[in-house]
Every structure is written in structure tokens, then in C-alpha cells.
Amino acid sequence: MQPGPRPRRLLQVPLFRLLAINLALGLGMAVVLVGGLLALDPWGLRHLVFSDHSPGVAIGLLLGSFFVTFGSTAMGTAIMALGGSDDDDDDSRGTRVHARVKVRR
């Protein structure tokens, strides 16, 4: 009895690894933004959050919503960038030619 093909580990799948890395970047951006909002206290947000009897719920909801937003944005940007070439500076679409057009008045 021969062993079958070995199942691939999840992080060896390139697309999953790309999405996981960008999701982690989105999580980092969300943590930095929520931390910055609490540190800078715009419009009294920190006072509003910490004056509540359960500030963990408010911070969790704020962090979760930013996590979903920035995580999905980072993953979507990575997916959309897959089709682009590395040499975007090279103008390989041809040359521009000025055309003369006659217009009747």
C-alpha cells in the first residue's frame, strides 16, 4: 500500500499566505489607529469610552470594526495588485501619435 499525496500545509498555499499576511497588516493598522485615537483623545473619545462601566466592550467593538475595515482593504488591495506587472514604469503600450482631425464649423 503506497501512501497518497501528502496534504499541503495551509501556509504553503501562496494565495492563502498572501491573504494571511495582508490580514495581519490590516490588524496592525487597526491596532495603531485605535491606539492613536485613544491616545490623542479627539472630541473626548477616550473620556467617553473610559467613563462607561464596561470600556472593554466599547474598545472591542471599535477595534473589531477597524479590523474588518482595514483587514479587508489590505486583502482586497493585494488581490487587485496580483495582475499588475513589476515594471509599471515601462511604457510598453506603444507610442502616441498626434492625429489631425478636420472639424466643420
N, C-alpha and C. Protein backbone atom coordinates (compact mmCIF):
# COMPACT_ATOMS: atom_id res chain seq x y z
N MET A 1 0.83 -1.17 0.00
CA MET A 1 0.00 0.00 0.00
C MET A 1 0.89 1.24 0.00
N GLN A 2 0.76 2.05 -1.03
CA GLN A 2 1.56 3.26 -1.14
C GLN A 2 0.84 4.42 -0.48
N PRO A 3 1.61 5.26 0.18
CA PRO A 3 0.96 6.43 0.77
C PRO A 3 0.52 7.40 -0.32
N GLY A 4 -0.60 8.04 -0.10
CA GLY A 4 -1.13 9.01 -1.06
C GLY A 4 -0.34 10.30 -1.02
N PRO A 5 -0.74 11.25 -1.83
CA PRO A 5 -0.04 12.53 -1.83
C PRO A 5 -0.21 13.23 -0.48
N ARG A 6 0.89 13.77 -0.03
CA ARG A 6 0.87 14.45 1.27
C ARG A 6 0.06 15.74 1.19
N PRO A 7 -0.83 15.96 2.11
CA PRO A 7 -1.61 17.20 2.05
C PRO A 7 -0.71 18.41 2.30
N ARG A 8 -0.94 19.47 1.56
CA ARG A 8 -0.14 20.67 1.70
C ARG A 8 -0.54 21.42 2.95
N ARG A 9 0.45 21.94 3.61
CA ARG A 9 0.16 22.77 4.78
C ARG A 9 -0.48 24.05 4.30
N LEU A 10 -1.30 24.63 5.14
CA LEU A 10 -2.09 25.78 4.73
C LEU A 10 -1.22 26.99 4.38
N LEU A 11 -0.13 27.20 5.11
CA LEU A 11 0.73 28.35 4.82
C LEU A 11 1.63 28.13 3.61
N GLN A 12 1.62 26.93 3.02
CA GLN A 12 2.38 26.69 1.81
C GLN A 12 1.58 27.06 0.57
N VAL A 13 0.30 27.32 0.73
CA VAL A 13 -0.53 27.76 -0.40
C VAL A 13 -0.28 29.25 -0.59
N PRO A 14 0.22 29.65 -1.76
CA PRO A 14 0.63 31.05 -1.94
C PRO A 14 -0.49 32.06 -1.76
N LEU A 15 -1.68 31.77 -2.26
CA LEU A 15 -2.78 32.73 -2.14
C LEU A 15 -3.21 32.88 -0.69
N PHE A 16 -3.27 31.78 0.04
CA PHE A 16 -3.64 31.87 1.45
C PHE A 16 -2.59 32.64 2.25
N ARG A 17 -1.32 32.40 1.93
CA ARG A 17 -0.25 33.11 2.62
C ARG A 17 -0.32 34.61 2.33
N LEU A 18 -0.61 34.98 1.08
CA LEU A 18 -0.76 36.38 0.71
C LEU A 18 -1.89 37.03 1.50
N LEU A 19 -3.02 36.34 1.57
CA LEU A 19 -4.17 36.89 2.29
C LEU A 19 -3.91 36.96 3.79
N ALA A 20 -3.23 35.97 4.35
CA ALA A 20 -2.95 35.98 5.79
C ALA A 20 -1.99 37.10 6.16
N ILE A 21 -0.99 37.33 5.34
CA ILE A 21 -0.04 38.41 5.62
C ILE A 21 -0.74 39.76 5.56
N ASN A 22 -1.58 39.96 4.55
CA ASN A 22 -2.26 41.24 4.43
C ASN A 22 -3.35 41.42 5.49
N LEU A 23 -3.95 40.33 5.94
CA LEU A 23 -4.89 40.43 7.05
C LEU A 23 -4.17 40.83 8.32
N ALA A 24 -2.97 40.29 8.53
CA ALA A 24 -2.18 40.69 9.70
C ALA A 24 -1.76 42.15 9.62
N LEU A 25 -1.44 42.63 8.41
CA LEU A 25 -1.12 44.04 8.24
C LEU A 25 -2.34 44.92 8.55
N GLY A 26 -3.51 44.47 8.14
CA GLY A 26 -4.74 45.20 8.46
C GLY A 26 -5.00 45.23 9.95
N LEU A 27 -4.72 44.12 10.64
CA LEU A 27 -4.88 44.09 12.09
C LEU A 27 -3.91 45.06 12.75
N GLY A 28 -2.68 45.11 12.27
CA GLY A 28 -1.71 46.06 12.82
C GLY A 28 -2.14 47.50 12.61
N MET A 29 -2.65 47.79 11.41
CA MET A 29 -3.13 49.16 11.16
C MET A 29 -4.29 49.52 12.06
N ALA A 30 -5.20 48.56 12.29
CA ALA A 30 -6.35 48.82 13.15
C ALA A 30 -5.92 49.07 14.59
N VAL A 31 -4.97 48.30 15.09
CA VAL A 31 -4.49 48.48 16.46
C VAL A 31 -3.81 49.83 16.61
N VAL A 32 -3.00 50.21 15.61
CA VAL A 32 -2.32 51.50 15.67
C VAL A 32 -3.33 52.64 15.63
N LEU A 33 -4.34 52.53 14.79
CA LEU A 33 -5.33 53.59 14.68
C LEU A 33 -6.16 53.73 15.95
N VAL A 34 -6.62 52.62 16.50
CA VAL A 34 -7.41 52.69 17.73
C VAL A 34 -6.54 53.20 18.88
N GLY A 35 -5.31 52.75 18.95
CA GLY A 35 -4.39 53.26 19.97
C GLY A 35 -4.15 54.75 19.80
N GLY A 36 -4.01 55.20 18.58
CA GLY A 36 -3.83 56.62 18.31
C GLY A 36 -5.05 57.43 18.66
N LEU A 37 -6.22 56.88 18.37
CA LEU A 37 -7.45 57.59 18.73
C LEU A 37 -7.60 57.71 20.24
N LEU A 38 -7.25 56.66 20.95
CA LEU A 38 -7.34 56.73 22.41
C LEU A 38 -6.26 57.61 23.01
N ALA A 39 -5.09 57.65 22.38
CA ALA A 39 -4.00 58.48 22.90
C ALA A 39 -4.24 59.97 22.63
N LEU A 40 -4.73 60.29 21.44
CA LEU A 40 -4.93 61.69 21.08
C LEU A 40 -6.24 62.27 21.63
N ASP A 41 -7.20 61.41 21.91
CA ASP A 41 -8.48 61.81 22.50
C ASP A 41 -9.22 62.88 21.69
N PRO A 42 -9.49 62.61 20.39
CA PRO A 42 -10.25 63.61 19.63
C PRO A 42 -11.71 63.62 20.06
N TRP A 43 -12.25 64.81 20.22
CA TRP A 43 -13.64 65.02 20.61
C TRP A 43 -14.00 64.30 21.91
N GLY A 44 -13.05 64.07 22.76
CA GLY A 44 -13.32 63.44 24.05
C GLY A 44 -13.64 61.96 23.97
N LEU A 45 -13.13 61.28 22.94
CA LEU A 45 -13.45 59.87 22.74
C LEU A 45 -12.92 58.99 23.86
N ARG A 46 -11.68 59.23 24.30
CA ARG A 46 -11.11 58.42 25.38
C ARG A 46 -11.91 58.59 26.66
N HIS A 47 -12.29 59.83 26.96
CA HIS A 47 -13.10 60.08 28.16
C HIS A 47 -14.45 59.38 28.04
N LEU A 48 -15.04 59.42 26.88
CA LEU A 48 -16.34 58.77 26.66
C LEU A 48 -16.24 57.26 26.83
N VAL A 49 -15.18 56.66 26.29
CA VAL A 49 -15.01 55.21 26.37
C VAL A 49 -14.74 54.77 27.80
N PHE A 50 -13.82 55.46 28.47
CA PHE A 50 -13.41 55.01 29.80
C PHE A 50 -14.34 55.46 30.92
N SER A 51 -15.30 56.33 30.62
CA SER A 51 -16.28 56.70 31.64
C SER A 51 -17.43 55.70 31.69
N ASP A 52 -17.49 54.82 30.73
CA ASP A 52 -18.53 53.78 30.72
C ASP A 52 -18.19 52.72 31.76
N HIS A 53 -19.20 51.97 32.21
CA HIS A 53 -18.95 50.93 33.21
C HIS A 53 -18.30 49.69 32.61
N SER A 54 -18.29 49.54 31.29
CA SER A 54 -17.60 48.42 30.64
C SER A 54 -16.84 48.93 29.40
N PRO A 55 -15.67 49.53 29.60
CA PRO A 55 -14.94 50.09 28.46
C PRO A 55 -14.37 49.02 27.53
N GLY A 56 -14.23 47.80 28.01
CA GLY A 56 -13.70 46.73 27.16
C GLY A 56 -14.61 46.43 25.98
N VAL A 57 -15.91 46.53 26.21
CA VAL A 57 -16.86 46.27 25.12
C VAL A 57 -16.74 47.35 24.05
N ALA A 58 -16.64 48.60 24.47
CA ALA A 58 -16.52 49.70 23.51
C ALA A 58 -15.21 49.60 22.73
N ILE A 59 -14.12 49.31 23.41
CA ILE A 59 -12.83 49.18 22.73
C ILE A 59 -12.85 47.97 21.80
N GLY A 60 -13.47 46.88 22.24
CA GLY A 60 -13.57 45.68 21.40
C GLY A 60 -14.37 45.93 20.14
N LEU A 61 -15.49 46.65 20.26
CA LEU A 61 -16.29 46.96 19.08
C LEU A 61 -15.56 47.91 18.14
N LEU A 62 -14.89 48.89 18.70
CA LEU A 62 -14.13 49.84 17.88
C LEU A 62 -12.98 49.13 17.17
N LEU A 63 -12.26 48.29 17.90
CA LEU A 63 -11.16 47.56 17.32
C LEU A 63 -11.65 46.55 16.28
N GLY A 64 -12.74 45.88 16.58
CA GLY A 64 -13.28 44.90 15.63
C GLY A 64 -13.74 45.53 14.33
N SER A 65 -14.39 46.69 14.43
CA SER A 65 -14.87 47.33 13.20
C SER A 65 -13.70 47.86 12.37
N PHE A 66 -12.66 48.41 13.03
CA PHE A 66 -11.49 48.84 12.29
C PHE A 66 -10.72 47.64 11.73
N PHE A 67 -10.73 46.54 12.44
CA PHE A 67 -10.05 45.34 11.96
C PHE A 67 -10.70 44.81 10.69
N VAL A 68 -12.02 44.75 10.68
CA VAL A 68 -12.74 44.29 9.49
C VAL A 68 -12.49 45.23 8.32
N THR A 69 -12.54 46.54 8.59
CA THR A 69 -12.35 47.51 7.52
C THR A 69 -10.95 47.47 6.94
N PHE A 70 -9.92 47.58 7.80
CA PHE A 70 -8.56 47.64 7.30
C PHE A 70 -8.06 46.28 6.83
N GLY A 71 -8.50 45.20 7.46
CA GLY A 71 -8.10 43.87 7.01
C GLY A 71 -8.63 43.56 5.62
N SER A 72 -9.91 43.86 5.39
CA SER A 72 -10.48 43.58 4.07
C SER A 72 -9.91 44.52 3.01
N THR A 73 -9.60 45.76 3.40
CA THR A 73 -8.99 46.69 2.44
C THR A 73 -7.60 46.22 2.04
N ALA A 74 -6.80 45.79 3.00
CA ALA A 74 -5.45 45.31 2.69
C ALA A 74 -5.51 44.04 1.84
N MET A 75 -6.42 43.13 2.16
CA MET A 75 -6.53 41.90 1.38
C MET A 75 -7.03 42.20 -0.04
N GLY A 76 -8.00 43.09 -0.17
CA GLY A 76 -8.51 43.45 -1.49
C GLY A 76 -7.47 44.13 -2.34
N THR A 77 -6.67 45.00 -1.73
CA THR A 77 -5.60 45.67 -2.45
C THR A 77 -4.56 44.67 -2.94
N ALA A 78 -4.25 43.69 -2.10
CA ALA A 78 -3.27 42.67 -2.51
C ALA A 78 -3.80 41.83 -3.66
N ILE A 79 -5.07 41.51 -3.63
CA ILE A 79 -5.65 40.70 -4.71
C ILE A 79 -5.70 41.50 -6.01
N MET A 80 -6.09 42.77 -5.91
CA MET A 80 -6.15 43.60 -7.12
C MET A 80 -4.76 43.85 -7.72
N ALA A 81 -3.72 43.83 -6.89
CA ALA A 81 -2.37 44.08 -7.39
C ALA A 81 -1.74 42.83 -8.00
N LEU A 82 -2.39 41.69 -7.93
CA LEU A 82 -1.81 40.46 -8.48
C LEU A 82 -1.64 40.53 -9.99
N GLY A 83 -2.53 41.19 -10.70
CA GLY A 83 -2.47 41.21 -12.15
C GLY A 83 -1.47 42.19 -12.71
N GLY A 84 -0.99 43.12 -11.89
CA GLY A 84 -0.05 44.14 -12.38
C GLY A 84 1.33 43.57 -12.56
N SER A 85 2.08 44.18 -13.46
CA SER A 85 3.45 43.73 -13.67
C SER A 85 4.39 44.47 -12.74
N ASP A 86 5.59 43.96 -12.58
CA ASP A 86 6.58 44.59 -11.71
C ASP A 86 7.16 45.85 -12.35
N ASP A 87 7.16 45.92 -13.65
CA ASP A 87 7.76 47.05 -14.38
C ASP A 87 6.65 47.98 -14.88
N ASP A 88 6.02 48.70 -13.98
CA ASP A 88 4.96 49.62 -14.41
C ASP A 88 5.52 50.89 -15.03
N ASP A 89 6.82 51.13 -14.87
CA ASP A 89 7.43 52.33 -15.45
C ASP A 89 7.65 52.18 -16.95
N ASP A 90 7.75 50.95 -17.43
CA ASP A 90 7.99 50.70 -18.84
C ASP A 90 6.72 50.96 -19.63
N ASP A 91 6.80 51.84 -20.62
CA ASP A 91 5.62 52.14 -21.43
C ASP A 91 5.60 51.19 -22.63
N SER A 92 5.02 50.03 -22.44
CA SER A 92 5.00 49.03 -23.50
C SER A 92 3.68 49.02 -24.26
N ARG A 93 2.90 50.10 -24.12
CA ARG A 93 1.61 50.14 -24.79
C ARG A 93 1.69 50.83 -26.15
N GLY A 94 2.88 51.12 -26.59
CA GLY A 94 3.02 51.77 -27.89
C GLY A 94 3.38 53.23 -27.74
N THR A 95 3.42 53.92 -28.87
CA THR A 95 3.75 55.33 -28.85
C THR A 95 2.52 56.15 -29.21
N ARG A 96 2.51 57.38 -28.74
CA ARG A 96 1.39 58.27 -29.06
C ARG A 96 1.67 58.98 -30.38
N VAL A 97 0.64 59.06 -31.17
CA VAL A 97 0.74 59.76 -32.44
C VAL A 97 -0.34 60.82 -32.45
N HIS A 98 0.04 62.04 -32.78
CA HIS A 98 -0.94 63.11 -32.86
C HIS A 98 -1.74 62.95 -34.15
N ALA A 99 -3.02 62.99 -34.03
CA ALA A 99 -3.88 62.83 -35.20
C ALA A 99 -4.49 64.17 -35.57
N ARG A 100 -4.58 64.40 -36.84
CA ARG A 100 -5.24 65.62 -37.31
C ARG A 100 -6.68 65.27 -37.64
N VAL A 101 -7.54 66.07 -37.10
CA VAL A 101 -8.97 65.85 -37.32
C VAL A 101 -9.55 67.11 -37.93
N LYS A 102 -10.28 66.96 -39.03
CA LYS A 102 -10.94 68.12 -39.64
C LYS A 102 -12.31 68.27 -39.01
N VAL A 103 -12.58 69.51 -38.61
CA VAL A 103 -13.86 69.81 -37.98
C VAL A 103 -14.59 70.83 -38.81
N ARG A 104 -15.82 70.55 -39.12
CA ARG A 104 -16.62 71.51 -39.86
C ARG A 104 -17.23 72.50 -38.89
N ARG A 105 -17.27 73.76 -39.32
CA ARG A 105 -17.85 74.80 -38.46
C ARG A 105 -19.29 75.01 -38.77
